[in-house]
Amino acid sequence: MTRWWCEAELDADPEHDRIMAAARAGTLLTVTMADVVRLRREQGGELPGE
């Protein structure tokens, strides 16, 4: 479910093309899923299933 949610968020992102181009070029800044979850919770957000 978490993977689907991440893909759905990326597909809906207006920066999708830029993000995909950077990923393919190896220049996309990355973070771990643990960091994403931590930052989302710190900002008061929920994750699917919570």
Protein backbone atom coordinates (compact mmCIF):
# COMPACT_ATOMS: atom_id res chain seq x y z
CA MET A 1 0.00 0.00 0.00
CA THR A 2 2.79 2.41 0.85
CA ARG A 3 4.45 1.86 -2.52
CA TRP A 4 1.16 2.46 -4.33
CA TRP A 5 0.62 5.66 -2.35
CA CYS A 6 4.09 6.94 -3.26
CA GLU A 7 3.51 6.16 -6.94
CA ALA A 8 0.09 7.81 -6.87
CA GLU A 9 1.54 10.93 -5.28
CA LEU A 10 4.29 11.12 -7.91
CA ASP A 11 1.83 10.63 -10.76
CA ALA A 12 -0.27 13.52 -9.43
CA ASP A 13 2.74 15.83 -8.94
CA PRO A 14 2.90 18.69 -11.46
CA GLU A 15 6.70 18.27 -11.36
CA HIS A 16 6.42 14.62 -12.45
CA ASP A 17 8.37 15.08 -15.70
CA ARG A 18 11.19 17.00 -14.01
CA ILE A 19 11.41 14.46 -11.20
CA MET A 20 11.52 11.52 -13.61
CA ALA A 21 14.18 13.21 -15.76
CA ALA A 22 16.34 13.88 -12.68
CA ALA A 23 15.91 10.29 -11.51
CA ARG A 24 16.97 8.96 -14.89
CA ALA A 25 19.96 11.32 -14.96
CA GLY A 26 21.02 10.27 -11.45
CA THR A 27 20.67 13.80 -10.08
CA LEU A 28 17.49 13.39 -8.05
CA LEU A 29 17.91 14.08 -4.36
CA THR A 30 16.70 11.08 -2.39
CA VAL A 31 15.63 10.26 1.15
CA THR A 32 14.72 7.02 2.84
CA MET A 33 11.11 6.00 3.34
CA ALA A 34 11.78 6.19 7.06
CA ASP A 35 12.66 9.88 6.62
CA VAL A 36 9.50 10.48 4.58
CA VAL A 37 7.34 8.83 7.24
CA ARG A 38 9.10 10.73 10.05
CA LEU A 39 8.76 14.11 8.29
CA ARG A 40 5.11 13.47 7.42
CA ARG A 41 4.26 12.57 11.02
CA GLU A 42 6.21 15.59 12.36
CA GLN A 43 4.07 17.79 10.12
CA GLY A 44 0.88 16.22 11.45
CA GLY A 45 0.18 14.10 8.37
CA GLU A 46 -1.14 10.59 8.28
CA LEU A 47 -0.13 7.64 6.16
CA PRO A 48 -2.55 5.24 4.45
CA GLY A 49 -4.06 2.84 6.95
CA GLU A 50 -3.51 5.07 9.96
